[in-house]
Protein backbone atom coordinates (compact mmCIF):
# COMPACT_ATOMS: atom_id res chain seq x y z
CA MET A 1 101.88 181.00 55.98
CA THR A 2 105.25 179.81 57.07
CA THR A 3 106.44 176.29 56.50
CA LYS A 4 106.45 175.53 60.07
CA THR A 5 103.03 177.00 60.62
CA PHE A 6 101.87 174.66 57.46
CA LEU A 7 103.36 171.62 59.22
CA LYS A 8 101.79 172.15 62.29
CA ALA A 9 98.20 172.86 60.78
CA ALA A 10 98.76 169.62 58.87
CA ILE A 11 99.75 167.52 61.72
CA ALA A 12 96.80 168.70 63.93
CA SER A 13 94.30 168.14 60.99
CA ALA A 14 95.94 164.45 60.55
CA VAL A 15 95.45 163.90 64.46
CA ALA A 16 91.81 165.35 64.40
CA ALA A 17 91.02 162.83 61.60
CA LEU A 18 92.54 159.83 63.32
CA SER A 19 90.65 160.67 66.39
CA PHE A 20 87.53 161.22 64.44
CA ALA A 21 87.95 157.57 62.51
CA ALA A 22 88.77 155.93 65.93
CA SER A 23 85.76 157.20 67.61
CA ALA A 24 83.61 156.59 64.59
CA GLN A 25 84.60 152.87 64.14
CA THR A 26 83.43 149.71 65.92
CA PHE A 27 86.00 146.81 65.80
CA THR A 28 84.85 143.22 66.38
CA ALA A 29 86.91 140.50 67.99
CA THR A 30 85.04 137.29 68.15
CA ALA A 31 86.84 134.20 69.30
CA PRO A 32 85.47 130.88 68.42
CA ALA A 33 85.28 128.38 71.39
CA PRO A 34 88.26 125.89 71.84
CA ALA A 35 87.43 122.40 70.42
CA PRO A 36 89.79 120.12 72.43
CA ASP A 37 90.28 116.51 71.57
CA SER A 38 87.06 114.98 72.87
CA SER A 39 88.22 111.53 72.56
CA ALA A 40 91.68 111.93 74.36
CA GLN A 41 89.80 113.68 77.20
CA GLN A 42 87.27 110.77 77.23
CA ALA A 43 90.12 108.43 77.44
CA LEU A 44 91.49 110.11 80.36
CA SER A 45 88.17 110.37 82.15
CA ALA A 46 87.79 106.52 81.68
CA ALA A 47 90.97 105.71 83.02
CA ALA A 48 90.44 107.87 86.07
CA ASN A 49 87.17 106.35 86.86
CA THR A 50 88.66 102.98 86.49
CA ASN A 51 91.33 103.82 88.88
CA GLY A 52 88.86 105.19 91.49
CA THR A 53 86.81 102.40 91.25
CA SER A 54 89.58 99.44 91.43
CA THR A 55 91.06 101.27 94.41
CA TYR A 56 87.60 101.37 96.32
CA ASN A 57 86.93 97.74 95.06
CA ALA A 58 90.16 96.60 96.50
CA GLY A 59 89.67 98.11 99.70
CA VAL A 60 86.50 96.49 100.22
CA ALA A 61 87.63 93.16 99.44
CA TYR A 62 90.52 93.62 101.95
CA TYR A 63 88.10 94.63 104.78
CA ASP A 64 85.57 91.88 103.93
CA GLN A 65 88.52 89.51 103.94
CA GLN A 66 89.44 90.69 107.46
CA ALA A 67 85.80 90.41 108.80
CA TYR A 68 85.49 86.92 107.45
CA GLU A 69 88.68 85.88 108.77
CA ALA A 70 87.34 87.14 112.33
CA ALA A 71 84.22 85.21 111.92
CA ALA A 72 86.06 81.96 110.74
CA GLN A 73 88.30 82.40 114.12
CA THR A 74 85.12 83.11 116.06
CA ALA A 75 83.52 79.90 114.74
CA GLN A 76 86.94 78.03 115.31
CA ASN A 77 86.75 78.88 118.91
CA ILE A 78 83.41 77.68 119.51
CA SER A 79 84.26 74.38 117.88
CA ASP A 80 87.59 74.05 119.75
CA GLN A 81 85.33 74.51 123.22
CA ASP A 82 82.67 72.06 122.21
CA ALA A 83 85.37 69.47 121.26
CA ALA A 84 86.84 69.74 124.58
CA ASN A 85 83.81 68.32 126.06
CA VAL A 86 83.27 65.29 123.72
CA GLY A 87 82.86 62.12 125.86
CA SER A 88 81.66 64.06 128.77
CA GLY A 89 78.26 64.65 128.15
CA TYR A 90 74.78 63.08 128.08
CA GLY A 91 75.43 60.68 125.40
CA GLY A 92 78.86 59.37 126.39
CA GLY A 93 79.06 55.67 127.23
CA MET A 94 75.30 55.21 126.70
CA GLY A 95 75.16 54.43 123.18
CA TYR A 96 73.98 57.51 122.15
CA SER A 97 75.64 59.76 119.64
CA ASP A 98 77.63 62.39 121.34
CA ALA A 99 76.04 65.94 120.92
CA TRP A 100 79.40 67.54 121.92
CA GLN A 101 81.08 65.94 118.93
CA GLN A 102 78.32 66.86 116.50
CA ALA A 103 77.97 70.43 117.71
CA ALA A 104 81.98 70.74 117.28
CA THR A 105 81.72 69.49 113.65
CA GLN A 106 78.78 71.97 112.72
CA ALA A 107 80.79 74.86 114.21
CA GLN A 108 83.91 73.65 112.32
CA GLY A 109 81.92 73.72 109.11
CA VAL A 110 80.87 77.37 109.75
CA ALA A 111 84.37 78.26 110.70
CA ASP A 112 85.56 76.62 107.32
CA GLN A 113 82.81 78.52 105.28
CA ASN A 114 83.88 81.84 106.79
CA GLN A 115 87.53 80.87 105.87
CA ALA A 116 86.48 80.08 102.48
CA GLN A 117 84.86 83.43 102.03
CA ALA A 118 87.87 84.99 103.26
CA ASP A 119 90.05 83.36 100.81
CA ASN A 120 87.77 84.27 98.01
CA GLN A 121 88.49 87.84 98.50
CA THR A 122 92.11 87.51 97.65
CA PRO A 123 91.88 87.17 94.13
CA ILE A 124 89.17 89.83 94.19
CA GLN A 125 91.61 92.05 95.81
CA GLN A 126 94.52 91.19 93.33
CA GLN A 127 92.37 91.89 90.41
CA SER A 128 91.40 95.25 91.76
CA GLU A 129 94.98 96.16 92.41
CA ALA A 130 96.06 95.18 89.22
CA SER A 131 93.23 96.99 87.53
CA GLN A 132 94.16 100.15 89.65
CA THR A 133 97.93 99.84 88.58
CA SER A 134 97.04 99.56 84.71
CA SER A 135 94.62 102.51 85.00
CA ALA A 136 97.04 104.70 87.01
CA GLN A 137 99.70 103.80 84.33
CA THR A 138 97.05 104.82 81.52
CA GLU A 139 96.44 108.08 83.22
CA THR A 140 99.88 109.21 83.42
CA ALA A 141 100.37 108.21 79.88
CA ALA A 142 97.22 109.98 78.46
CA ALA A 143 97.66 113.34 80.73
CA PRO A 144 100.41 114.86 78.30
CA ALA A 145 98.40 114.20 74.96
CA VAL A 146 95.25 115.90 76.60
CA ALA A 147 97.21 118.70 78.11
CA SER A 148 98.57 119.28 74.74
CA ALA A 149 95.47 118.71 72.78
CA ASN A 150 93.67 121.06 75.05
CA SER A 151 96.55 123.98 74.89
CA THR A 152 96.58 123.56 70.72
CA ALA A 153 92.89 123.77 70.57
CA ALA A 154 93.00 127.10 72.87
CA GLN A 155 95.77 128.31 71.10
CA SER A 156 93.90 127.96 67.67
CA ALA A 157 90.65 129.35 68.96
CA SER A 158 93.14 132.55 70.22
CA ASN A 159 94.76 132.92 66.87
CA SER A 160 91.52 132.67 65.06
CA GLY A 161 89.90 135.25 66.96
CA SER A 162 92.86 137.48 66.73
CA SER A 163 93.07 137.19 62.93
CA GLN A 164 89.19 137.92 62.72
CA SER A 165 89.72 140.98 64.79
CA PHE A 166 92.78 142.15 62.78
CA ALA A 167 90.89 141.60 59.49
CA ASP A 168 88.14 143.52 60.71
CA ILE A 169 90.45 146.60 61.72
CA GLY A 170 92.43 146.52 58.47
CA ALA A 171 89.17 146.47 56.42
CA GLN A 172 87.98 149.52 58.22
CA THR A 173 91.15 151.44 58.71
CA GLY A 174 92.90 150.46 55.65
CA VAL A 175 95.84 149.75 57.60
CA PRO A 176 97.33 146.13 57.41
CA GLN A 177 97.26 144.22 61.03
CA GLY A 178 99.47 141.51 61.85
CA GLN A 179 100.58 139.70 65.15
CA VAL A 180 103.78 137.53 65.58
CA THR A 181 103.60 133.90 66.38
CA VAL A 182 103.60 133.10 70.03
CA SER A 183 106.56 131.18 70.95
CA ASN A 184 105.33 128.29 73.01
CA ASN A 185 108.02 126.24 74.98
CA THR A 186 105.82 124.52 77.51
CA ALA A 187 106.95 121.11 76.77
CA GLU A 188 110.16 121.89 78.48
CA TYR A 189 108.96 122.54 81.95
CA LEU A 190 106.26 119.74 81.61
CA VAL A 191 108.99 117.31 81.16
CA ALA A 192 111.18 118.69 83.87
CA GLY A 193 109.20 117.12 86.56
CA ALA A 194 108.26 114.03 85.25
CA ALA A 195 111.13 111.85 86.72
CA THR A 196 110.24 113.29 90.29
CA GLN A 197 106.53 112.70 89.75
CA ALA A 198 106.89 109.05 88.62
CA LEU A 199 109.14 108.81 91.94
CA MET A 200 106.32 110.14 93.99
CA ASN A 201 103.80 108.04 92.39
CA GLY A 202 105.82 104.88 93.20
CA VAL A 203 106.47 105.73 96.93
CA SER A 204 102.87 106.43 97.28
CA THR A 205 101.83 103.06 95.87
CA ASP A 206 104.38 101.30 97.83
CA GLY A 207 103.33 103.22 101.04
CA TYR A 208 99.93 102.05 100.58
CA GLN A 209 101.03 98.28 100.14
CA ALA A 210 103.25 98.78 103.22
CA ASN A 211 100.15 99.86 105.44
CA ILE A 212 98.20 96.88 104.19
CA ALA A 213 100.73 94.45 104.98
CA ALA A 214 101.29 96.23 108.36
CA TYR A 215 97.54 95.85 109.28
CA GLN A 216 97.85 92.16 108.18
CA ALA A 217 100.64 91.56 110.44
CA ALA A 218 98.85 93.25 113.50
CA GLN A 219 95.68 91.08 112.65
CA ASN A 220 97.88 87.83 112.49
CA ALA A 221 99.64 88.71 115.58
CA ALA A 222 96.29 89.23 117.70
CA SER A 223 95.15 85.82 116.08
CA CYS A 224 98.58 84.11 117.31
CA GLY A 225 98.06 81.44 120.43
CA ASN A 226 101.46 81.85 121.73
CA PRO A 227 103.67 84.68 122.46
CA GLY A 228 106.48 83.25 119.90
CA CYS A 229 104.04 83.58 117.13
CA ALA A 230 102.84 87.09 118.08
CA ALA A 231 106.18 88.61 118.45
CA ALA A 232 107.35 87.20 114.89
CA TRP A 233 104.38 89.14 113.21
CA TRP A 234 104.63 92.37 115.47
CA ALA A 235 108.34 92.22 114.00
CA VAL A 236 106.67 92.13 110.50
CA ASN A 237 104.31 95.03 111.66
CA ALA A 238 107.20 97.12 112.64
CA SER A 239 109.26 96.54 109.54
CA GLN A 240 106.23 97.51 107.41
CA GLN A 241 105.48 100.49 109.23
CA GLY A 242 108.96 101.48 108.97
CA ARG A 243 108.72 100.97 105.27
CA ALA A 244 105.49 103.07 105.04
CA ASN A 245 107.16 105.86 107.16
CA ALA A 246 110.14 105.68 104.63
CA ASP A 247 107.92 105.93 101.95
CA TYR A 248 106.10 108.64 103.37
CA ALA A 249 109.33 110.74 104.18
CA ALA A 250 110.67 110.06 100.34
CA ASN A 251 107.46 111.45 99.15
CA THR A 252 107.58 114.55 101.46
CA ALA A 253 111.13 115.01 100.48
CA ALA A 254 110.16 114.69 96.62
CA ALA A 255 107.63 117.77 96.68
CA PRO A 256 110.04 120.65 96.99
CA VAL A 257 112.31 119.08 94.58
CA LEU A 258 109.49 118.58 92.08
CA GLY A 259 108.38 122.35 92.57
CA SER A 260 111.83 123.54 92.49
CA ALA A 261 112.41 121.69 88.91
CA LEU A 262 109.15 122.85 87.64
CA ASN A 263 109.93 126.62 88.77
CA VAL A 264 113.40 126.60 86.97
CA ALA A 265 112.12 124.90 83.88
CA ALA A 266 109.10 127.30 83.76
CA ALA A 267 111.55 130.23 83.97
CA ALA A 268 113.74 129.24 81.49
CA SER A 269 110.69 128.15 79.04
CA ALA A 270 109.50 131.63 79.56
CA VAL A 271 112.77 133.35 78.79
CA ASN A 272 113.05 131.42 75.60
CA SER A 273 109.40 131.99 74.40
CA ALA A 274 110.01 135.85 75.02
CA THR A 275 113.14 135.89 73.11
CA GLN A 276 111.83 134.19 70.25
CA THR A 277 108.86 136.39 70.07
CA LEU A 278 111.00 139.50 70.31
CA GLN A 279 113.32 138.46 67.55
CA GLN A 280 110.03 137.95 65.32
CA ILE A 281 108.79 141.55 66.37
CA GLN A 282 112.20 142.89 65.31
CA SER A 283 112.37 140.87 61.93
CA MET A 284 108.78 142.24 60.89
CA THR A 285 109.57 145.86 62.06
CA GLY A 286 113.10 146.51 61.82
CA VAL A 287 113.17 148.06 65.25
CA SER A 288 115.59 146.31 68.10
CA GLN A 289 113.62 144.56 70.71
CA GLY A 290 114.44 143.45 74.16
CA GLN A 291 117.32 144.82 76.60
CA THR A 292 120.00 147.24 75.05
CA ALA A 293 122.67 145.48 73.56
CA GLY A 294 126.08 144.76 75.13
CA ALA A 295 124.29 145.09 78.66
CA THR A 296 124.66 142.43 81.03
CA SER A 297 122.59 144.00 83.89
CA ALA A 298 119.38 146.13 84.23
CA GLN A 299 121.82 149.09 85.34
CA GLN A 300 124.14 148.90 82.42
CA ALA A 301 120.82 148.68 80.22
CA GLN A 302 119.47 152.11 81.85
CA ALA A 303 122.77 153.62 81.50
CA LEU A 304 122.97 152.90 77.96
CA THR A 305 119.58 153.98 77.19
CA THR A 306 120.10 157.19 79.22
CA ALA A 307 123.21 157.75 77.13
CA GLY A 308 121.40 157.05 73.73
CA THR A 309 118.22 158.90 74.41
CA GLY A 310 119.13 161.85 76.78
CA VAL A 311 116.42 160.72 79.02
CA ALA A 312 117.20 159.57 82.74
CA GLN A 313 116.13 155.91 83.18
CA GLY A 314 115.63 154.15 86.48
CA GLN A 315 113.17 152.94 88.83
CA PRO A 316 111.75 154.42 92.05
CA GLN A 317 112.06 152.71 95.31
CA VAL A 318 109.05 150.35 95.40
CA GLY A 319 106.90 150.22 98.48
CA THR A 320 107.39 147.12 100.47
CA ASP A 321 104.47 146.87 102.75
CA THR A 322 103.77 142.94 103.38
CA SER A 323 101.89 143.38 106.55
CA TYR A 324 99.05 141.53 104.73
CA THR A 325 100.76 138.22 105.02
CA ALA A 326 99.98 138.07 108.83
CA ALA A 327 96.42 139.21 108.49
CA ALA A 328 94.80 135.90 108.65
CA ASP A 329 97.23 134.09 110.93
CA THR A 330 94.71 133.42 113.60
CA GLN A 331 91.97 132.42 111.33
CA GLN A 332 94.37 130.05 109.63
CA ALA A 333 95.28 128.48 112.86
CA ASP A 334 91.52 127.94 113.36
CA LEU A 335 90.84 126.43 110.21
CA GLY A 336 94.04 124.15 110.54
CA ALA A 337 92.62 122.98 114.11
CA ALA A 338 89.24 122.21 112.50
CA THR A 339 90.56 120.50 109.56
CA GLN A 340 92.75 118.41 112.01
CA GLN A 341 89.51 117.39 114.03
CA ASN A 342 88.07 116.52 110.98
CA GLN A 343 90.72 114.33 109.78
CA ASP A 344 90.83 112.57 113.38
CA ALA A 345 87.12 111.77 113.31
CA ALA A 346 87.18 110.41 109.79
CA VAL A 347 90.31 108.15 111.27
CA THR A 348 88.10 106.92 114.48
CA ALA A 349 85.05 106.60 112.19
CA ALA A 350 86.81 104.07 109.58
CA GLN A 351 88.46 102.22 112.37
CA ALA A 352 85.14 101.67 114.04
CA TRP A 353 83.31 100.71 110.99
CA GLN A 354 86.50 98.05 110.42
CA THR A 355 86.21 96.58 114.11
CA GLY A 356 82.45 96.72 113.97
CA LEU A 357 82.42 94.95 110.67
CA SER A 358 84.57 92.05 111.99
CA ALA A 359 82.05 91.96 115.18
CA LEU A 360 79.12 91.97 112.70
CA TYR A 361 80.58 88.78 110.69
CA SER A 362 81.56 87.02 114.00
CA ARG A 363 78.22 87.66 115.52
CA ASN A 364 76.51 86.08 112.37
CA ALA A 365 78.48 82.96 112.40
CA ALA A 366 78.13 82.50 116.16
CA GLN A 367 74.14 83.00 115.62
CA ASN A 368 74.21 80.54 112.92
CA ILE A 369 75.97 77.96 115.31
CA ALA A 370 73.58 78.94 118.26
CA ALA A 371 70.38 78.24 116.19
CA TYR A 372 71.51 74.97 115.12
CA ASP A 373 72.57 73.75 118.49
CA ASN A 374 69.08 75.21 119.82
CA THR A 375 67.29 73.29 117.06
CA MET A 376 69.25 70.04 118.10
CA ALA A 377 68.39 70.63 121.84
CA GLN A 378 64.57 70.86 121.05
CA THR A 379 64.68 67.99 118.65
CA THR A 380 66.47 65.61 120.87
CA GLY A 381 66.12 66.77 124.44
CA ASP A 382 69.83 66.28 124.95
CA PRO A 383 71.19 68.79 127.38
CA ASP A 384 74.38 68.92 125.93
CA TRP A 385 72.99 70.57 123.05
CA THR A 386 71.66 73.15 125.09
CA SER A 387 75.07 73.74 126.83
CA ALA A 388 76.85 73.80 123.33
CA ALA A 389 74.09 76.44 122.31
CA GLN A 390 75.21 78.64 125.29
CA ILE A 391 78.73 78.57 124.25
CA ALA A 392 77.83 80.00 120.96
CA GLN A 393 75.30 82.45 122.43
CA GLN A 394 78.12 83.93 124.73
CA GLN A 395 80.08 84.68 121.39
CA VAL A 396 76.74 86.07 119.91
CA ASN A 397 76.34 88.50 122.94
CA GLN A 398 80.24 89.49 123.06
CA GLN A 399 80.51 90.13 119.56
CA GLY A 400 76.86 91.75 119.34
CA THR A 401 78.20 94.17 122.34
CA THR A 402 81.34 94.93 120.40
CA TYR A 403 79.25 95.82 117.09
CA ASP A 404 76.89 98.01 119.03
CA THR A 405 79.73 99.83 120.87
CA GLN A 406 81.43 100.44 117.59
CA GLY A 407 78.36 101.63 116.12
CA VAL A 408 78.05 104.31 118.69
CA ILE A 409 81.80 105.35 118.20
CA GLN A 410 81.32 105.61 114.47
CA ASN A 411 78.19 107.65 114.63
CA GLN A 412 79.92 109.97 117.23
CA ALA A 413 82.68 110.36 115.06
CA ILE A 414 80.88 111.16 111.89
CA ALA A 415 78.85 113.69 113.67
CA ALA A 416 82.13 115.34 114.87
CA GLY A 417 83.55 115.14 111.30
CA ASN A 418 80.23 116.70 109.77
CA SER A 419 80.61 119.55 112.61
CA SER A 420 84.40 120.19 111.90
CA GLY A 421 83.78 120.07 108.03
CA ALA A 422 81.10 122.52 108.32
CA ALA A 423 83.10 124.68 110.54
CA ALA A 424 85.93 124.66 108.17
CA ASN A 425 83.77 125.54 105.02
CA ALA A 426 82.59 128.20 107.13
CA MET A 427 86.08 129.80 108.08
CA ALA A 428 87.43 129.42 104.55
CA PRO A 429 85.65 132.48 102.75
CA GLY A 430 86.30 134.59 105.92
CA ILE A 431 90.08 134.04 105.47
CA GLY A 432 89.98 134.87 101.94
CA ASN A 433 87.98 138.05 102.77
CA THR A 434 90.44 139.04 105.42
CA LEU A 435 93.56 138.47 103.10
CA ASN A 436 91.84 140.35 100.21
CA THR A 437 91.09 143.36 102.45
CA ALA A 438 94.74 143.50 103.90
CA ALA A 439 96.19 142.77 100.63
CA SER A 440 94.20 145.66 98.81
CA SER A 441 95.18 148.10 101.94
CA SER A 442 98.89 146.89 101.49
CA ALA A 443 98.61 147.31 97.70
CA THR A 444 97.55 150.83 98.07
CA SER A 445 100.40 151.63 100.69
CA GLN A 446 102.93 150.17 98.30
CA ALA A 447 101.45 152.17 95.17
CA GLN A 448 101.48 155.53 97.19
CA ALA A 449 105.14 154.90 98.29
CA THR A 450 106.05 153.98 94.54
CA LEU A 451 104.32 157.15 93.30
CA GLN A 452 106.02 159.18 96.02
CA GLY A 453 109.38 157.81 94.83
CA ILE A 454 108.53 158.85 91.31
CA ALA A 455 107.85 162.45 92.15
CA ALA A 456 111.01 162.55 94.22
CA GLN A 457 113.14 161.47 91.09
CA THR A 458 111.43 163.39 88.47
CA GLY A 459 110.33 166.68 90.26
CA VAL A 460 106.74 165.76 88.79
CA PRO A 461 103.70 165.36 91.27
CA GLN A 462 102.23 161.89 90.48
CA ASN A 463 98.48 161.14 91.37
CA GLN A 464 96.77 157.85 92.03
């Protein structure tokens, strides 16, 4: 047997032995479940819950305040009408107490009670807003720590699982196994968008306050008794709307800046991580890793590799079928329309609820006054009390009609919102299926074009 024949036989035998060993062994790779920092996660969750609760409480206090203000104004109007009749009724000049004066005083008391209730909502609202601000700051501060803890726990679990797998393979094959330490530069891009995110949070909060101030100014203008007062409050309303619009525009403008900053930072972080990992592989194996030394472009690297190996390098023309991007345009438009309808319905329902709430509080105040006046009319027999009761009852009827009307509007809007929301939910899976089908078809087309390019460059037919 010649030396060459002997080498061929030895190699074939070794390959057969390795193939048998590989097929005969079963390797395990059990990774333990990640164990993140539960206390940090709980702190973040608590802050998020406090934030949501405080925001809700502030909103409820604000709208309660508006409703009590409306009720106080209704009672004040009744009191003013009663006061205008003082001295003109049954008791005037006859030695009897003036029922109109008593009715006006009682109605004024109801107005004062509702105004006091309105004033009581201010500290509640302020406390809730302070709590919301504090919890939002806590969330912002806690998020990086939670993300870091979760990332560390997942990385630890992954490394532990890999170590178990490598130990098992090494024990069964007799070949030591190892893994380079994965470089992690995620902190670089997490910090990159922090300033922009803080700006967006700030303008969002300011826009929320501006909207509240604009609404308050509109309410004040509607409550004014002369054009000058109303004009002044409408000017404040316009100013606050401008402030809210500016905040919205700033938030919109900041969004692409944030996305761009994160994209650039993430790309740089990925390059740094890959470079460090390749350097570790090179130090462990003695084999150079990465792009061919001295090359400053892919073309130069391919040319240097071709010269060094004698094997032509290059990449075939990749198929560029992107038709799938337009596959669901019509469905997307329909979904957008349904979503807009849902949003419009939600706004209408909220406005009807707010108006109805003010009407309800005003009706209750007027009912209180009317009940008192009717009782006095029955007790004294004074017709002035009956007239006063009729004035209050007019407000009861008027506010009751408003309340009922807004209730109908609210129910219709809720039904429309539920319908459009259900329609949007039903459309979403269809859009996903359409895109998946179109993308699959496009991917097949691109793969075929790419394989044809490889066959043209190499002369070797390619199969998919």
